[in-house]
């Protein structure tokens, strides 16, 4: 019986400025024997077909699940061409994004809601 295989994402980027081109995404399943080679990716993905690996573009392979939360929460990312590390950009939290405790009301074991939401729940207005 085949074992469950898990493959991380492969991210392709331009060598000249490290800008992102394509992310193969993660995949897992029982029918996979191995991750496709970069050469197979160049044939299989339209976004990569006009480039030469090692000349125009390069890639970085990530383990399955690596940087999962970072990819979910980032607003941008790039590859550092010298280190081949991913550099994420996140939205900076401003004072407007923060909710003060005085603006919240505890509702039993259901957690906290904004005061105006509580008023609507109670009064329907």
N, C-alpha and C. Protein backbone atom coordinates (compact mmCIF):
# COMPACT_ATOMS: atom_id res chain seq x y z
N UNK A 1 0.85 -1.19 0.00
CA UNK A 1 0.00 0.00 0.00
C UNK A 1 0.89 1.25 0.00
N UNK A 2 0.51 2.23 -0.79
CA UNK A 2 1.29 3.46 -0.89
C UNK A 2 1.11 4.30 0.36
N UNK A 3 2.19 4.98 0.75
CA UNK A 3 2.13 5.90 1.88
C UNK A 3 1.69 7.27 1.39
N UNK A 4 1.08 8.01 2.29
CA UNK A 4 0.71 9.39 1.98
C UNK A 4 1.98 10.20 1.75
N UNK A 5 2.05 10.88 0.62
CA UNK A 5 3.19 11.72 0.29
C UNK A 5 2.78 13.18 0.42
N UNK A 6 3.68 13.99 0.94
CA UNK A 6 3.42 15.42 1.07
C UNK A 6 4.58 16.18 0.46
N UNK A 7 4.24 17.14 -0.39
CA UNK A 7 5.25 17.93 -1.07
C UNK A 7 5.00 19.40 -0.82
N UNK A 8 6.05 20.09 -0.46
CA UNK A 8 5.94 21.53 -0.23
C UNK A 8 5.90 22.31 -1.52
N UNK A 9 5.71 23.59 -1.36
CA UNK A 9 5.62 24.45 -2.54
C UNK A 9 6.99 24.76 -3.10
N UNK A 10 7.00 25.06 -4.39
CA UNK A 10 8.19 25.53 -5.08
C UNK A 10 7.85 26.92 -5.60
N UNK A 11 8.66 27.88 -5.23
CA UNK A 11 8.41 29.26 -5.63
C UNK A 11 9.46 29.68 -6.65
N UNK A 12 8.98 30.13 -7.80
CA UNK A 12 9.86 30.62 -8.86
C UNK A 12 9.91 32.15 -8.81
N UNK A 13 11.07 32.69 -9.11
CA UNK A 13 11.25 34.14 -9.07
C UNK A 13 12.27 34.57 -10.12
N UNK A 14 12.21 35.85 -10.51
CA UNK A 14 13.17 36.41 -11.46
C UNK A 14 14.50 36.64 -10.75
N UNK A 15 15.58 36.21 -11.38
CA UNK A 15 16.91 36.36 -10.78
C UNK A 15 17.34 37.82 -10.71
N UNK A 16 16.91 38.64 -11.69
CA UNK A 16 17.40 40.02 -11.75
C UNK A 16 16.89 40.88 -10.60
N UNK A 17 15.65 40.66 -10.16
CA UNK A 17 15.10 41.54 -9.12
C UNK A 17 14.36 40.78 -8.01
N UNK A 18 14.41 39.50 -8.04
CA UNK A 18 13.81 38.60 -7.05
C UNK A 18 12.29 38.68 -6.97
N UNK A 19 11.65 39.25 -7.98
CA UNK A 19 10.19 39.33 -7.93
C UNK A 19 9.58 37.95 -8.24
N UNK A 20 8.45 37.72 -7.65
CA UNK A 20 7.73 36.45 -7.70
C UNK A 20 7.16 36.21 -9.10
N UNK A 21 7.25 34.96 -9.55
CA UNK A 21 6.62 34.55 -10.82
C UNK A 21 5.50 33.55 -10.58
N UNK A 22 5.83 32.47 -9.87
CA UNK A 22 4.86 31.38 -9.77
C UNK A 22 5.10 30.54 -8.52
N UNK A 23 4.02 30.07 -7.93
CA UNK A 23 4.04 29.21 -6.76
C UNK A 23 3.29 27.93 -7.12
N UNK A 24 3.96 26.80 -7.05
CA UNK A 24 3.31 25.53 -7.42
C UNK A 24 2.29 25.08 -6.40
N UNK A 25 2.37 25.64 -5.18
CA UNK A 25 1.47 25.23 -4.12
C UNK A 25 1.91 23.91 -3.51
N UNK A 26 1.29 23.56 -2.42
CA UNK A 26 1.57 22.29 -1.75
C UNK A 26 0.58 21.24 -2.23
N UNK A 27 1.00 20.01 -2.17
CA UNK A 27 0.05 18.95 -2.47
C UNK A 27 0.43 17.69 -1.72
N UNK A 28 -0.58 16.87 -1.51
CA UNK A 28 -0.36 15.60 -0.82
C UNK A 28 -1.36 14.59 -1.36
N UNK A 29 -1.01 13.35 -1.23
CA UNK A 29 -1.90 12.29 -1.68
C UNK A 29 -1.19 10.97 -1.74
N UNK A 30 -1.93 9.95 -2.11
CA UNK A 30 -1.39 8.60 -2.17
C UNK A 30 -0.88 8.22 -3.54
N UNK A 31 -1.23 8.96 -4.56
CA UNK A 31 -0.83 8.61 -5.92
C UNK A 31 0.49 9.22 -6.36
N UNK A 32 1.09 10.05 -5.53
CA UNK A 32 2.32 10.73 -5.91
C UNK A 32 3.54 9.91 -5.50
N UNK A 33 4.50 9.80 -6.40
CA UNK A 33 5.74 9.12 -6.07
C UNK A 33 6.82 10.12 -5.71
N UNK A 34 6.88 11.21 -6.46
CA UNK A 34 7.90 12.22 -6.19
C UNK A 34 7.42 13.58 -6.69
N UNK A 35 8.08 14.60 -6.22
CA UNK A 35 7.77 15.96 -6.65
C UNK A 35 8.30 16.14 -8.08
N UNK A 36 7.56 16.84 -8.93
CA UNK A 36 8.08 17.08 -10.29
C UNK A 36 9.40 17.85 -10.23
N UNK A 37 10.23 17.63 -11.21
CA UNK A 37 11.49 18.36 -11.29
C UNK A 37 11.22 19.78 -11.79
N UNK A 38 12.14 20.71 -11.55
CA UNK A 38 11.97 22.05 -12.11
C UNK A 38 11.85 22.03 -13.63
N UNK A 39 12.55 21.13 -14.29
CA UNK A 39 12.46 21.02 -15.74
C UNK A 39 11.06 20.60 -16.18
N UNK A 40 10.43 19.71 -15.42
CA UNK A 40 9.05 19.32 -15.71
C UNK A 40 8.10 20.49 -15.47
N UNK A 41 8.36 21.28 -14.43
CA UNK A 41 7.54 22.47 -14.17
C UNK A 41 7.58 23.44 -15.34
N UNK A 42 8.77 23.61 -15.94
CA UNK A 42 8.90 24.54 -17.08
C UNK A 42 8.03 24.12 -18.25
N UNK A 43 7.80 22.84 -18.40
CA UNK A 43 6.95 22.32 -19.47
C UNK A 43 5.48 22.38 -19.07
N UNK A 44 5.19 22.06 -17.82
CA UNK A 44 3.80 21.91 -17.37
C UNK A 44 3.09 23.21 -17.01
N UNK A 45 3.82 24.25 -16.61
CA UNK A 45 3.19 25.50 -16.19
C UNK A 45 3.42 26.59 -17.23
N UNK A 46 2.34 27.06 -17.79
CA UNK A 46 2.38 28.10 -18.83
C UNK A 46 3.15 29.34 -18.37
N UNK A 47 3.03 29.70 -17.09
CA UNK A 47 3.67 30.89 -16.56
C UNK A 47 5.20 30.82 -16.62
N UNK A 48 5.74 29.61 -16.76
CA UNK A 48 7.20 29.43 -16.73
C UNK A 48 7.80 29.12 -18.10
N UNK A 49 6.97 28.89 -19.10
CA UNK A 49 7.45 28.36 -20.37
C UNK A 49 8.33 29.30 -21.18
N UNK A 50 8.28 30.60 -20.94
CA UNK A 50 9.07 31.53 -21.73
C UNK A 50 10.41 31.88 -21.09
N UNK A 51 10.79 31.17 -20.03
CA UNK A 51 12.00 31.51 -19.29
C UNK A 51 12.98 30.35 -19.26
N UNK A 52 14.24 30.69 -19.03
CA UNK A 52 15.29 29.69 -18.92
C UNK A 52 15.72 29.59 -17.46
N UNK A 53 15.61 28.39 -16.92
CA UNK A 53 15.97 28.15 -15.53
C UNK A 53 17.47 28.38 -15.36
N UNK A 54 17.83 29.13 -14.34
CA UNK A 54 19.21 29.43 -14.06
C UNK A 54 19.72 30.67 -14.77
N UNK A 55 19.03 31.10 -15.81
CA UNK A 55 19.41 32.31 -16.53
C UNK A 55 18.45 33.44 -16.18
N UNK A 56 17.18 33.26 -16.52
CA UNK A 56 16.15 34.27 -16.24
C UNK A 56 15.54 34.09 -14.86
N UNK A 57 15.30 32.83 -14.52
CA UNK A 57 14.56 32.53 -13.29
C UNK A 57 15.30 31.51 -12.44
N UNK A 58 14.91 31.48 -11.18
CA UNK A 58 15.41 30.48 -10.24
C UNK A 58 14.25 30.09 -9.34
N UNK A 59 14.47 29.20 -8.40
CA UNK A 59 13.39 28.73 -7.54
C UNK A 59 13.93 28.40 -6.16
N UNK A 60 13.01 28.28 -5.23
CA UNK A 60 13.31 27.79 -3.89
C UNK A 60 12.24 26.77 -3.53
N UNK A 61 12.68 25.63 -2.99
CA UNK A 61 11.76 24.58 -2.54
C UNK A 61 11.53 24.74 -1.04
N UNK A 62 10.28 24.62 -0.63
CA UNK A 62 9.93 24.69 0.79
C UNK A 62 9.37 23.35 1.25
N UNK A 63 9.59 23.04 2.50
CA UNK A 63 9.00 21.83 3.07
C UNK A 63 7.48 22.01 3.17
N UNK A 64 6.78 20.91 3.19
CA UNK A 64 5.34 20.93 3.34
C UNK A 64 4.97 21.66 4.64
N UNK A 65 4.12 22.66 4.56
CA UNK A 65 3.66 23.41 5.72
C UNK A 65 4.58 24.55 6.15
N UNK A 66 5.73 24.69 5.50
CA UNK A 66 6.67 25.75 5.89
C UNK A 66 6.08 27.13 5.64
N UNK A 67 6.21 27.99 6.61
CA UNK A 67 5.75 29.39 6.52
C UNK A 67 4.25 29.51 6.26
N UNK A 68 3.48 28.52 6.63
CA UNK A 68 2.04 28.52 6.34
C UNK A 68 1.35 29.79 6.84
N UNK A 69 1.55 30.13 8.10
CA UNK A 69 0.92 31.33 8.67
C UNK A 69 1.44 32.60 8.03
N UNK A 70 2.73 32.62 7.70
CA UNK A 70 3.30 33.80 7.04
C UNK A 70 2.64 34.05 5.69
N UNK A 71 2.44 32.99 4.90
CA UNK A 71 1.79 33.16 3.60
C UNK A 71 0.34 33.61 3.75
N UNK A 72 -0.33 33.13 4.78
CA UNK A 72 -1.72 33.53 5.01
C UNK A 72 -1.81 35.00 5.40
N UNK A 73 -0.90 35.46 6.24
CA UNK A 73 -0.99 36.80 6.81
C UNK A 73 -0.20 37.88 6.09
N UNK A 74 0.65 37.52 5.16
CA UNK A 74 1.49 38.54 4.52
C UNK A 74 0.70 39.29 3.45
N UNK A 75 1.18 40.50 3.14
CA UNK A 75 0.61 41.25 2.03
C UNK A 75 1.52 41.15 0.81
N UNK A 76 2.76 40.70 1.01
CA UNK A 76 3.70 40.50 -0.09
C UNK A 76 4.87 39.67 0.42
N UNK A 77 5.60 39.08 -0.54
CA UNK A 77 6.84 38.40 -0.19
C UNK A 77 7.77 38.47 -1.39
N UNK A 78 9.05 38.29 -1.11
CA UNK A 78 10.05 38.25 -2.15
C UNK A 78 11.11 37.24 -1.74
N UNK A 79 11.94 36.85 -2.69
CA UNK A 79 13.05 35.95 -2.39
C UNK A 79 14.32 36.79 -2.36
N UNK A 80 15.09 36.65 -1.31
CA UNK A 80 16.41 37.29 -1.24
C UNK A 80 17.32 36.45 -2.13
N UNK A 81 17.78 37.02 -3.25
CA UNK A 81 18.55 36.23 -4.22
C UNK A 81 19.90 35.78 -3.68
N UNK A 82 20.43 36.48 -2.70
CA UNK A 82 21.72 36.08 -2.14
C UNK A 82 21.58 34.90 -1.19
N UNK A 83 20.55 34.93 -0.35
CA UNK A 83 20.39 33.87 0.65
C UNK A 83 19.35 32.82 0.26
N UNK A 84 18.53 33.13 -0.74
CA UNK A 84 17.40 32.29 -1.17
C UNK A 84 16.39 32.10 -0.04
N UNK A 85 16.33 33.05 0.87
CA UNK A 85 15.35 33.05 1.95
C UNK A 85 14.16 33.91 1.54
N UNK A 86 12.97 33.55 2.04
CA UNK A 86 11.77 34.32 1.76
C UNK A 86 11.68 35.47 2.75
N UNK A 87 11.41 36.66 2.23
CA UNK A 87 11.23 37.84 3.07
C UNK A 87 9.78 38.28 2.92
N UNK A 88 9.06 38.27 4.03
CA UNK A 88 7.64 38.59 4.04
C UNK A 88 7.42 40.05 4.42
N UNK A 89 6.36 40.62 3.88
CA UNK A 89 5.91 41.95 4.28
C UNK A 89 4.51 41.79 4.86
N UNK A 90 4.33 42.34 6.05
CA UNK A 90 3.04 42.25 6.73
C UNK A 90 2.46 43.65 6.89
N UNK A 91 1.15 43.72 6.95
CA UNK A 91 0.49 45.00 7.20
C UNK A 91 0.86 45.45 8.60
N UNK A 92 1.25 46.71 8.69
CA UNK A 92 1.56 47.25 10.01
C UNK A 92 0.28 47.61 10.72
N UNK A 93 0.19 47.21 11.97
CA UNK A 93 -0.99 47.51 12.77
C UNK A 93 -0.95 48.98 13.17
N UNK A 94 -2.07 49.65 12.97
CA UNK A 94 -2.16 51.06 13.36
C UNK A 94 -3.09 51.17 14.56
N UNK A 95 -3.14 52.34 15.15
CA UNK A 95 -4.04 52.55 16.28
C UNK A 95 -5.48 52.32 15.89
N UNK A 96 -5.83 52.61 14.63
CA UNK A 96 -7.22 52.40 14.17
C UNK A 96 -7.56 50.91 14.12
N UNK A 97 -6.54 50.05 13.92
CA UNK A 97 -6.78 48.61 13.86
C UNK A 97 -7.01 47.99 15.23
N UNK A 98 -6.55 48.65 16.26
CA UNK A 98 -6.66 48.11 17.61
C UNK A 98 -8.04 48.43 18.19
N UNK A 99 -8.56 47.49 18.93
CA UNK A 99 -9.83 47.69 19.60
C UNK A 99 -9.54 47.76 21.09
N UNK A 100 -9.95 48.81 21.72
CA UNK A 100 -9.68 48.92 23.15
C UNK A 100 -10.72 48.12 23.92
N UNK A 101 -10.36 47.73 25.12
CA UNK A 101 -11.25 46.93 25.95
C UNK A 101 -12.54 47.68 26.27
N UNK A 102 -12.48 49.00 26.37
CA UNK A 102 -13.69 49.76 26.68
C UNK A 102 -14.70 49.72 25.54
N UNK A 103 -14.25 49.36 24.31
CA UNK A 103 -15.16 49.25 23.17
C UNK A 103 -15.77 47.85 23.04
N UNK A 104 -15.39 46.95 23.95
CA UNK A 104 -15.86 45.57 23.86
C UNK A 104 -16.74 45.21 25.05
N UNK A 105 -17.58 44.22 24.84
CA UNK A 105 -18.43 43.73 25.91
C UNK A 105 -18.39 42.21 25.89
N UNK A 106 -18.21 41.62 27.06
CA UNK A 106 -18.16 40.16 27.19
C UNK A 106 -19.57 39.61 27.15
N UNK A 107 -19.76 38.57 26.36
CA UNK A 107 -21.08 37.93 26.28
C UNK A 107 -20.92 36.48 26.72
N UNK A 108 -21.16 36.26 27.99
CA UNK A 108 -21.08 34.90 28.54
C UNK A 108 -19.82 34.19 28.11
N UNK A 109 -19.95 32.94 27.66
CA UNK A 109 -18.79 32.19 27.21
C UNK A 109 -18.58 32.31 25.70
N UNK A 110 -19.31 33.22 25.06
CA UNK A 110 -19.20 33.39 23.61
C UNK A 110 -18.09 34.33 23.21
N UNK A 111 -17.45 34.98 24.16
CA UNK A 111 -16.35 35.86 23.83
C UNK A 111 -16.73 37.31 23.90
N UNK A 112 -15.99 38.11 23.16
CA UNK A 112 -16.14 39.55 23.19
C UNK A 112 -16.70 40.06 21.87
N UNK A 113 -17.54 41.09 21.95
CA UNK A 113 -18.04 41.77 20.74
C UNK A 113 -17.89 43.27 20.95
N UNK A 114 -17.90 43.98 19.84
CA UNK A 114 -17.86 45.44 19.93
C UNK A 114 -19.15 45.93 20.60
N UNK A 115 -19.05 47.02 21.31
CA UNK A 115 -20.20 47.57 22.04
C UNK A 115 -21.39 47.81 21.11
N UNK A 116 -21.12 48.37 19.92
CA UNK A 116 -22.25 48.65 19.00
C UNK A 116 -22.91 47.36 18.51
N UNK A 117 -22.15 46.26 18.37
CA UNK A 117 -22.74 44.98 17.98
C UNK A 117 -23.60 44.43 19.11
N UNK A 118 -23.16 44.63 20.34
CA UNK A 118 -23.94 44.17 21.49
C UNK A 118 -25.27 44.91 21.54
N UNK A 119 -25.24 46.23 21.34
CA UNK A 119 -26.47 47.01 21.35
C UNK A 119 -27.43 46.52 20.29
N UNK A 120 -26.91 46.18 19.11
CA UNK A 120 -27.77 45.67 18.04
C UNK A 120 -28.35 44.31 18.43
N UNK A 121 -27.55 43.46 19.06
CA UNK A 121 -28.02 42.15 19.46
C UNK A 121 -29.13 42.26 20.50
N UNK A 122 -29.01 43.21 21.41
CA UNK A 122 -29.97 43.37 22.49
C UNK A 122 -31.21 44.13 22.02
N UNK A 123 -30.99 45.24 21.33
CA UNK A 123 -32.10 46.12 20.95
C UNK A 123 -32.58 45.97 19.52
N UNK A 124 -31.77 45.28 18.71
CA UNK A 124 -32.15 45.14 17.31
C UNK A 124 -31.99 46.43 16.53
N UNK A 125 -31.24 47.38 17.05
CA UNK A 125 -31.05 48.66 16.35
C UNK A 125 -29.60 48.90 16.10
